[in-house]
Amino acid sequence: SCAASGFTLDYYAIAWFRQVPGKEREGVSCISR
């Protein structure tokens, strides 16, 4: 889960990334507003 605070999520696109040591951060998924 990704919980947001301090702002209303409605105005933001959200993405998930993942990273393992020694490798670049990899885009996993994203979702529009």
PDB file of all heavy atoms in Angstrom:
ATOM      1  N   SER A   1       0.826  -1.195   0.000  1.00  0.00           N
ATOM      2  CA  SER A   1       0.000   0.000   0.000  1.00  0.00           C
ATOM      3  C   SER A   1       0.864   1.250   0.000  1.00  0.00           C
ATOM      4  O   SER A   1       1.978   1.240   0.533  1.00  0.00           O
ATOM      5  CB  SER A   1      -0.905   0.022   1.241  1.00  0.00           C
ATOM      6  OG  SER A   1      -1.692  -1.132   1.313  1.00  0.00           O
ATOM      7  N   CYS A   2       0.311   2.304  -0.557  1.00  0.00           N
ATOM      8  CA  CYS A   2       0.969   3.608  -0.568  1.00  0.00           C
ATOM      9  C   CYS A   2      -0.044   4.613  -0.053  1.00  0.00           C
ATOM     10  O   CYS A   2      -1.015   4.941  -0.755  1.00  0.00           O
ATOM     11  CB  CYS A   2       1.416   3.956  -1.979  1.00  0.00           C
ATOM     12  SG  CYS A   2       2.053   5.630  -2.178  1.00  0.00           S
ATOM     13  N   ALA A   3       0.146   5.061   1.180  1.00  0.00           N
ATOM     14  CA  ALA A   3      -0.783   6.001   1.796  1.00  0.00           C
ATOM     15  C   ALA A   3      -0.229   7.411   1.711  1.00  0.00           C
ATOM     16  O   ALA A   3       0.930   7.659   2.038  1.00  0.00           O
ATOM     17  CB  ALA A   3      -1.020   5.621   3.252  1.00  0.00           C
ATOM     18  N   ALA A   4      -1.070   8.324   1.256  1.00  0.00           N
ATOM     19  CA  ALA A   4      -0.653   9.713   1.096  1.00  0.00           C
ATOM     20  C   ALA A   4      -1.212  10.567   2.224  1.00  0.00           C
ATOM     21  O   ALA A   4      -2.336  10.354   2.682  1.00  0.00           O
ATOM     22  CB  ALA A   4      -1.142  10.240  -0.243  1.00  0.00           C
ATOM     23  N   SER A   5      -0.433  11.522   2.649  1.00  0.00           N
ATOM     24  CA  SER A   5      -0.906  12.491   3.641  1.00  0.00           C
ATOM     25  C   SER A   5      -0.364  13.852   3.283  1.00  0.00           C
ATOM     26  O   SER A   5       0.667  13.978   2.619  1.00  0.00           O
ATOM     27  CB  SER A   5      -0.471  12.082   5.046  1.00  0.00           C
ATOM     28  OG  SER A   5       0.934  12.078   5.150  1.00  0.00           O
ATOM     29  N   GLY A   6      -1.082  14.878   3.710  1.00  0.00           N
ATOM     30  CA  GLY A   6      -0.647  16.238   3.437  1.00  0.00           C
ATOM     31  C   GLY A   6      -1.088  16.751   2.078  1.00  0.00           C
ATOM     32  O   GLY A   6      -0.804  17.900   1.730  1.00  0.00           O
ATOM     33  N   PHE A   7      -1.771  15.919   1.312  1.00  0.00           N
ATOM     34  CA  PHE A   7      -2.273  16.361   0.019  1.00  0.00           C
ATOM     35  C   PHE A   7      -3.401  15.428  -0.411  1.00  0.00           C
ATOM     36  O   PHE A   7      -3.547  14.329   0.120  1.00  0.00           O
ATOM     37  CB  PHE A   7      -1.166  16.389  -1.043  1.00  0.00           C
ATOM     38  CG  PHE A   7      -0.623  15.024  -1.407  1.00  0.00           C
ATOM     39  CD1 PHE A   7      -1.018  14.393  -2.576  1.00  0.00           C
ATOM     40  CD2 PHE A   7       0.283  14.382  -0.580  1.00  0.00           C
ATOM     41  CE1 PHE A   7      -0.513  13.148  -2.918  1.00  0.00           C
ATOM     42  CE2 PHE A   7       0.794  13.136  -0.906  1.00  0.00           C
ATOM     43  CZ  PHE A   7       0.393  12.512  -2.075  1.00  0.00           C
ATOM     44  N   THR A   8      -4.166  15.881  -1.383  1.00  0.00           N
ATOM     45  CA  THR A   8      -5.263  15.071  -1.902  1.00  0.00           C
ATOM     46  C   THR A   8      -4.778  14.287  -3.099  1.00  0.00           C
ATOM     47  O   THR A   8      -4.327  14.857  -4.090  1.00  0.00           O
ATOM     48  CB  THR A   8      -6.445  15.975  -2.311  1.00  0.00           C
ATOM     49  OG1 THR A   8      -6.853  16.742  -1.181  1.00  0.00           O
ATOM     50  CG2 THR A   8      -7.608  15.134  -2.792  1.00  0.00           C
ATOM     51  N   LEU A   9      -4.890  12.986  -2.995  1.00  0.00           N
ATOM     52  CA  LEU A   9      -4.339  12.095  -4.014  1.00  0.00           C
ATOM     53  C   LEU A   9      -4.972  12.308  -5.379  1.00  0.00           C
ATOM     54  O   LEU A   9      -4.366  12.000  -6.408  1.00  0.00           O
ATOM     55  CB  LEU A   9      -4.537  10.644  -3.566  1.00  0.00           C
ATOM     56  CG  LEU A   9      -3.612   9.597  -4.146  1.00  0.00           C
ATOM     57  CD1 LEU A   9      -2.167   9.903  -3.817  1.00  0.00           C
ATOM     58  CD2 LEU A   9      -3.996   8.226  -3.649  1.00  0.00           C
ATOM     59  N   ASP A  10      -6.188  12.849  -5.412  1.00  0.00           N
ATOM     60  CA  ASP A  10      -6.920  13.033  -6.670  1.00  0.00           C
ATOM     61  C   ASP A  10      -6.116  13.757  -7.731  1.00  0.00           C
ATOM     62  O   ASP A  10      -6.330  13.547  -8.923  1.00  0.00           O
ATOM     63  CB  ASP A  10      -8.177  13.877  -6.422  1.00  0.00           C
ATOM     64  CG  ASP A  10      -9.145  13.229  -5.478  1.00  0.00           C
ATOM     65  OD1 ASP A  10      -8.673  12.623  -4.503  1.00  0.00           O
ATOM     66  OD2 ASP A  10     -10.354  13.341  -5.705  1.00  0.00           O
ATOM     67  N   TYR A  11      -5.206  14.644  -7.316  1.00  0.00           N
ATOM     68  CA  TYR A  11      -4.503  15.491  -8.273  1.00  0.00           C
ATOM     69  C   TYR A  11      -3.179  14.915  -8.737  1.00  0.00           C
ATOM     70  O   TYR A  11      -2.411  15.595  -9.417  1.00  0.00           O
ATOM     71  CB  TYR A  11      -4.267  16.871  -7.649  1.00  0.00           C
ATOM     72  CG  TYR A  11      -5.553  17.587  -7.317  1.00  0.00           C
ATOM     73  CD1 TYR A  11      -6.037  17.629  -6.008  1.00  0.00           C
ATOM     74  CD2 TYR A  11      -6.307  18.209  -8.305  1.00  0.00           C
ATOM     75  CE1 TYR A  11      -7.228  18.260  -5.709  1.00  0.00           C
ATOM     76  CE2 TYR A  11      -7.493  18.851  -8.013  1.00  0.00           C
ATOM     77  CZ  TYR A  11      -7.950  18.865  -6.711  1.00  0.00           C
ATOM     78  OH  TYR A  11      -9.126  19.502  -6.414  1.00  0.00           O
ATOM     79  N   TYR A  12      -2.924  13.645  -8.377  1.00  0.00           N
ATOM     80  CA  TYR A  12      -1.610  13.075  -8.637  1.00  0.00           C
ATOM     81  C   TYR A  12      -1.680  11.751  -9.378  1.00  0.00           C
ATOM     82  O   TYR A  12      -2.517  10.894  -9.062  1.00  0.00           O
ATOM     83  CB  TYR A  12      -0.866  12.842  -7.318  1.00  0.00           C
ATOM     84  CG  TYR A  12      -0.467  14.113  -6.629  1.00  0.00           C
ATOM     85  CD1 TYR A  12      -1.399  14.849  -5.908  1.00  0.00           C
ATOM     86  CD2 TYR A  12       0.832  14.592  -6.704  1.00  0.00           C
ATOM     87  CE1 TYR A  12      -1.056  16.033  -5.287  1.00  0.00           C
ATOM     88  CE2 TYR A  12       1.191  15.765  -6.076  1.00  0.00           C
ATOM     89  CZ  TYR A  12       0.244  16.485  -5.377  1.00  0.00           C
ATOM     90  OH  TYR A  12       0.596  17.656  -4.772  1.00  0.00           O
ATOM     91  N   ALA A  13      -0.787  11.605 -10.338  1.00  0.00           N
ATOM     92  CA  ALA A  13      -0.515  10.286 -10.892  1.00  0.00           C
ATOM     93  C   ALA A  13       0.437   9.590  -9.929  1.00  0.00           C
ATOM     94  O   ALA A  13       1.314  10.228  -9.343  1.00  0.00           O
ATOM     95  CB  ALA A  13       0.105  10.396 -12.273  1.00  0.00           C
ATOM     96  N   ILE A  14       0.278   8.288  -9.793  1.00  0.00           N
ATOM     97  CA  ILE A  14       1.073   7.515  -8.838  1.00  0.00           C
ATOM     98  C   ILE A  14       1.763   6.369  -9.574  1.00  0.00           C
ATOM     99  O   ILE A  14       1.165   5.746 -10.469  1.00  0.00           O
ATOM    100  CB  ILE A  14       0.190   6.923  -7.723  1.00  0.00           C
ATOM    101  CG1 ILE A  14      -0.576   8.035  -7.002  1.00  0.00           C
ATOM    102  CG2 ILE A  14       1.037   6.113  -6.742  1.00  0.00           C
ATOM    103  CD1 ILE A  14       0.281   8.990  -6.225  1.00  0.00           C
ATOM    104  N   ALA A  15       2.982   6.103  -9.178  1.00  0.00           N
ATOM    105  CA  ALA A  15       3.720   4.982  -9.768  1.00  0.00           C
ATOM    106  C   ALA A  15       4.397   4.171  -8.671  1.00  0.00           C
ATOM    107  O   ALA A  15       4.713   4.693  -7.601  1.00  0.00           O
ATOM    108  CB  ALA A  15       4.752   5.484 -10.765  1.00  0.00           C
ATOM    109  N   TRP A  16       4.611   2.923  -8.989  1.00  0.00           N
ATOM    110  CA  TRP A  16       5.404   2.027  -8.135  1.00  0.00           C
ATOM    111  C   TRP A  16       6.712   1.716  -8.860  1.00  0.00           C
ATOM    112  O   TRP A  16       6.713   1.425 -10.055  1.00  0.00           O
ATOM    113  CB  TRP A  16       4.675   0.726  -7.852  1.00  0.00           C
ATOM    114  CG  TRP A  16       3.600   0.832  -6.823  1.00  0.00           C
ATOM    115  CD1 TRP A  16       2.265   1.016  -7.030  1.00  0.00           C
ATOM    116  CD2 TRP A  16       3.768   0.739  -5.406  1.00  0.00           C
ATOM    117  NE1 TRP A  16       1.590   1.051  -5.832  1.00  0.00           N
ATOM    118  CE2 TRP A  16       2.500   0.878  -4.820  1.00  0.00           C
ATOM    119  CE3 TRP A  16       4.867   0.552  -4.565  1.00  0.00           C
ATOM    120  CZ2 TRP A  16       2.284   0.834  -3.442  1.00  0.00           C
ATOM    121  CZ3 TRP A  16       4.664   0.506  -3.194  1.00  0.00           C
ATOM    122  CH2 TRP A  16       3.388   0.652  -2.643  1.00  0.00           C
ATOM    123  N   PHE A  17       7.786   1.755  -8.080  1.00  0.00           N
ATOM    124  CA  PHE A  17       9.110   1.393  -8.574  1.00  0.00           C
ATOM    125  C   PHE A  17       9.700   0.358  -7.630  1.00  0.00           C
ATOM    126  O   PHE A  17       9.228   0.189  -6.504  1.00  0.00           O
ATOM    127  CB  PHE A  17      10.027   2.625  -8.624  1.00  0.00           C
ATOM    128  CG  PHE A  17       9.585   3.670  -9.600  1.00  0.00           C
ATOM    129  CD1 PHE A  17       8.622   4.606  -9.239  1.00  0.00           C
ATOM    130  CD2 PHE A  17      10.126   3.730 -10.873  1.00  0.00           C
ATOM    131  CE1 PHE A  17       8.189   5.573 -10.148  1.00  0.00           C
ATOM    132  CE2 PHE A  17       9.714   4.692 -11.778  1.00  0.00           C
ATOM    133  CZ  PHE A  17       8.742   5.606 -11.410  1.00  0.00           C
ATOM    134  N   ARG A  18      10.731  -0.322  -8.099  1.00  0.00           N
ATOM    135  CA  ARG A  18      11.435  -1.233  -7.206  1.00  0.00           C
ATOM    136  C   ARG A  18      12.924  -1.157  -7.506  1.00  0.00           C
ATOM    137  O   ARG A  18      13.350  -0.789  -8.612  1.00  0.00           O
ATOM    138  CB  ARG A  18      10.925  -2.675  -7.359  1.00  0.00           C
ATOM    139  CG  ARG A  18      11.168  -3.311  -8.723  1.00  0.00           C
ATOM    140  CD  ARG A  18      10.464  -4.665  -8.797  1.00  0.00           C
ATOM    141  NE  ARG A  18      10.700  -5.328 -10.075  1.00  0.00           N
ATOM    142  CZ  ARG A  18      10.106  -6.469 -10.427  1.00  0.00           C
ATOM    143  NH1 ARG A  18       9.251  -7.062  -9.600  1.00  0.00           N
ATOM    144  NH2 ARG A  18      10.363  -7.007 -11.603  1.00  0.00           N
ATOM    145  N   GLN A  19      13.695  -1.517  -6.491  1.00  0.00           N
ATOM    146  CA  GLN A  19      15.141  -1.423  -6.630  1.00  0.00           C
ATOM    147  C   GLN A  19      15.822  -2.493  -5.807  1.00  0.00           C
ATOM    148  O   GLN A  19      15.436  -2.747  -4.658  1.00  0.00           O
ATOM    149  CB  GLN A  19      15.638  -0.036  -6.204  1.00  0.00           C
ATOM    150  CG  GLN A  19      17.085   0.244  -6.553  1.00  0.00           C
ATOM    151  CD  GLN A  19      17.452   1.697  -6.349  1.00  0.00           C
ATOM    152  OE1 GLN A  19      16.836   2.418  -5.568  1.00  0.00           O
ATOM    153  NE2 GLN A  19      18.470   2.159  -7.075  1.00  0.00           N
ATOM    154  N   VAL A  20      16.830  -3.103  -6.403  1.00  0.00           N
ATOM    155  CA  VAL A  20      17.702  -4.031  -5.686  1.00  0.00           C
ATOM    156  C   VAL A  20      19.086  -3.420  -5.645  1.00  0.00           C
ATOM    157  O   VAL A  20      19.440  -2.608  -6.519  1.00  0.00           O
ATOM    158  CB  VAL A  20      17.731  -5.422  -6.355  1.00  0.00           C
ATOM    159  CG1 VAL A  20      16.357  -6.055  -6.331  1.00  0.00           C
ATOM    160  CG2 VAL A  20      18.248  -5.338  -7.782  1.00  0.00           C
ATOM    161  N   PRO A  21      19.877  -3.783  -4.650  1.00  0.00           N
ATOM    162  CA  PRO A  21      21.214  -3.193  -4.520  1.00  0.00           C
ATOM    163  C   PRO A  21      22.034  -3.373  -5.785  1.00  0.00           C
ATOM    164  O   PRO A  21      22.057  -4.457  -6.381  1.00  0.00           O
ATOM    165  CB  PRO A  21      21.823  -3.955  -3.344  1.00  0.00           C
ATOM    166  CG  PRO A  21      20.655  -4.387  -2.540  1.00  0.00           C
ATOM    167  CD  PRO A  21      19.571  -4.685  -3.525  1.00  0.00           C
ATOM    168  N   GLY A  22      22.670  -2.300  -6.216  1.00  0.00           N
ATOM    169  CA  GLY A  22      23.534  -2.371  -7.382  1.00  0.00           C
ATOM    170  C   GLY A  22      22.834  -2.208  -8.711  1.00  0.00           C
ATOM    171  O   GLY A  22      23.477  -2.222  -9.759  1.00  0.00           O
ATOM    172  N   LYS A  23      21.511  -2.049  -8.667  1.00  0.00           N
ATOM    173  CA  LYS A  23      20.764  -1.892  -9.907  1.00  0.00           C
ATOM    174  C   LYS A  23      19.973  -0.595  -9.886  1.00  0.00           C
ATOM    175  O   LYS A  23      19.684  -0.038  -8.820  1.00  0.00           O
ATOM    176  CB  LYS A  23      19.810  -3.068 -10.121  1.00  0.00           C
ATOM    177  CG  LYS A  23      20.510  -4.377 -10.446  1.00  0.00           C
ATOM    178  CD  LYS A  23      19.511  -5.413 -10.927  1.00  0.00           C
ATOM    179  CE  LYS A  23      20.204  -6.684 -11.367  1.00  0.00           C
ATOM    180  NZ  LYS A  23      19.242  -7.698 -11.867  1.00  0.00           N
ATOM    181  N   GLU A  24      19.607  -0.126 -11.070  1.00  0.00           N
ATOM    182  CA  GLU A  24      18.805   1.086 -11.166  1.00  0.00           C
ATOM    183  C   GLU A  24      17.374   0.821 -10.712  1.00  0.00           C
ATOM    184  O   GLU A  24      16.892  -0.310 -10.762  1.00  0.00           O
ATOM    185  CB  GLU A  24      18.798   1.586 -12.615  1.00  0.00           C
ATOM    186  CG  GLU A  24      20.111   2.173 -13.070  1.00  0.00           C
ATOM    187  CD  GLU A  24      19.985   2.864 -14.415  1.00  0.00           C
ATOM    188  OE1 GLU A  24      18.880   2.892 -14.979  1.00  0.00           O
ATOM    189  OE2 GLU A  24      21.017   3.364 -14.892  1.00  0.00           O
ATOM    190  N   ARG A  25      16.742   1.911 -10.285  1.00  0.00           N
ATOM    191  CA  ARG A  25      15.339   1.810  -9.902  1.00  0.00           C
ATOM    192  C   ARG A  25      14.512   1.497 -11.146  1.00  0.00           C
ATOM    193  O   ARG A  25      14.670   2.136 -12.182  1.00  0.00           O
ATOM    194  CB  ARG A  25      14.901   3.125  -9.260  1.00  0.00           C
ATOM    195  CG  ARG A  25      13.629   3.035  -8.483  1.00  0.00           C
ATOM    196  CD  ARG A  25      13.474   4.236  -7.574  1.00  0.00           C
ATOM    197  NE  ARG A  25      14.426   4.209  -6.466  1.00  0.00           N
ATOM    198  CZ  ARG A  25      14.367   5.017  -5.419  1.00  0.00           C
ATOM    199  NH1 ARG A  25      13.402   5.928  -5.347  1.00  0.00           N
ATOM    200  NH2 ARG A  25      15.253   4.935  -4.460  1.00  0.00           N
ATOM    201  N   GLU A  26      13.630   0.520 -11.008  1.00  0.00           N
ATOM    202  CA  GLU A  26      12.857   0.018 -12.142  1.00  0.00           C
ATOM    203  C   GLU A  26      11.389   0.372 -11.980  1.00  0.00           C
ATOM    204  O   GLU A  26      10.808   0.140 -10.909  1.00  0.00           O
ATOM    205  CB  GLU A  26      13.016  -1.508 -12.227  1.00  0.00           C
ATOM    206  CG  GLU A  26      12.113  -2.186 -13.242  1.00  0.00           C
ATOM    207  CD  GLU A  26      12.076  -3.701 -13.077  1.00  0.00           C
ATOM    208  OE1 GLU A  26      12.447  -4.197 -11.987  1.00  0.00           O
ATOM    209  OE2 GLU A  26      11.657  -4.380 -14.015  1.00  0.00           O
ATOM    210  N   GLY A  27      10.784   0.915 -13.011  1.00  0.00           N
ATOM    211  CA  GLY A  27       9.357   1.187 -12.987  1.00  0.00           C
ATOM    212  C   GLY A  27       8.571  -0.104 -13.056  1.00  0.00           C
ATOM    213  O   GLY A  27       8.848  -0.965 -13.889  1.00  0.00           O
ATOM    214  N   VAL A  28       7.602  -0.258 -12.160  1.00  0.00           N
ATOM    215  CA  VAL A  28       6.794  -1.470 -12.079  1.00  0.00           C
ATOM    216  C   VAL A  28       5.395  -1.236 -12.645  1.00  0.00           C
ATOM    217  O   VAL A  28       4.900  -2.014 -13.461  1.00  0.00           O
ATOM    218  CB  VAL A  28       6.697  -1.955 -10.620  1.00  0.00           C
ATOM    219  CG1 VAL A  28       5.756  -3.142 -10.504  1.00  0.00           C
ATOM    220  CG2 VAL A  28       8.077  -2.307 -10.084  1.00  0.00           C
ATOM    221  N   SER A  29       4.775  -0.137 -12.193  1.00  0.00           N
ATOM    222  CA  SER A  29       3.405   0.134 -12.604  1.00  0.00           C
ATOM    223  C   SER A  29       3.082   1.587 -12.317  1.00  0.00           C
ATOM    224  O   SER A  29       3.740   2.237 -11.497  1.00  0.00           O
ATOM    225  CB  SER A  29       2.439  -0.779 -11.848  1.00  0.00           C
ATOM    226  OG  SER A  29       1.101  -0.566 -12.273  1.00  0.00           O
ATOM    227  N   CYS A  30       2.071   2.108 -13.001  1.00  0.00           N
ATOM    228  CA  CYS A  30       1.614   3.459 -12.713  1.00  0.00           C
ATOM    229  C   CYS A  30       0.119   3.528 -12.959  1.00  0.00           C
ATOM    230  O   CYS A  30      -0.462   2.693 -13.668  1.00  0.00           O
ATOM    231  CB  CYS A  30       2.358   4.505 -13.528  1.00  0.00           C
ATOM    232  SG  CYS A  30       1.985   4.500 -15.292  1.00  0.00           S
ATOM    233  N   ILE A  31      -0.512   4.550 -12.358  1.00  0.00           N
ATOM    234  CA  ILE A  31      -1.946   4.729 -12.491  1.00  0.00           C
ATOM    235  C   ILE A  31      -2.261   6.210 -12.579  1.00  0.00           C
ATOM    236  O   ILE A  31      -1.688   7.028 -11.862  1.00  0.00           O
ATOM    237  CB  ILE A  31      -2.689   4.045 -11.318  1.00  0.00           C
ATOM    238  CG1 ILE A  31      -4.197   4.051 -11.534  1.00  0.00           C
ATOM    239  CG2 ILE A  31      -2.311   4.682  -9.977  1.00  0.00           C
ATOM    240  CD1 ILE A  31      -4.952   3.115 -10.582  1.00  0.00           C
ATOM    241  N   SER A  32      -3.179   6.557 -13.468  1.00  0.00           N
ATOM    242  CA  SER A  32      -3.534   7.952 -13.664  1.00  0.00           C
ATOM    243  C   SER A  32      -4.462   8.437 -12.559  1.00  0.00           C
ATOM    244  O   SER A  32      -4.933   7.655 -11.736  1.00  0.00           O
ATOM    245  CB  SER A  32      -4.204   8.129 -15.033  1.00  0.00           C
ATOM    246  OG  SER A  32      -5.390   7.330 -15.107  1.00  0.00           O
ATOM    247  N   ARG A  33      -4.748   9.719 -12.572  1.00  0.00           N
ATOM    248  CA  ARG A  33      -5.537  10.340 -11.511  1.00  0.00           C
ATOM    249  C   ARG A  33      -6.879   9.666 -11.301  1.00  0.00           C
ATOM    250  O   ARG A  33      -7.320   9.464 -10.169  1.00  0.00           O
ATOM    251  CB  ARG A  33      -5.755  11.815 -11.833  1.00  0.00           C
ATOM    252  CG  ARG A  33      -4.560  12.700 -11.599  1.00  0.00           C
ATOM    253  CD  ARG A  33      -4.830  14.111 -12.019  1.00  0.00           C
ATOM    254  NE  ARG A  33      -6.008  14.656 -11.343  1.00  0.00           N
ATOM    255  CZ  ARG A  33      -6.541  15.843 -11.629  1.00  0.00           C
ATOM    256  NH1 ARG A  33      -6.010  16.602 -12.577  1.00  0.00           N
ATOM    257  NH2 ARG A  33      -7.603  16.280 -10.982  1.00  0.00           N
TER     258      ARG A  33
END
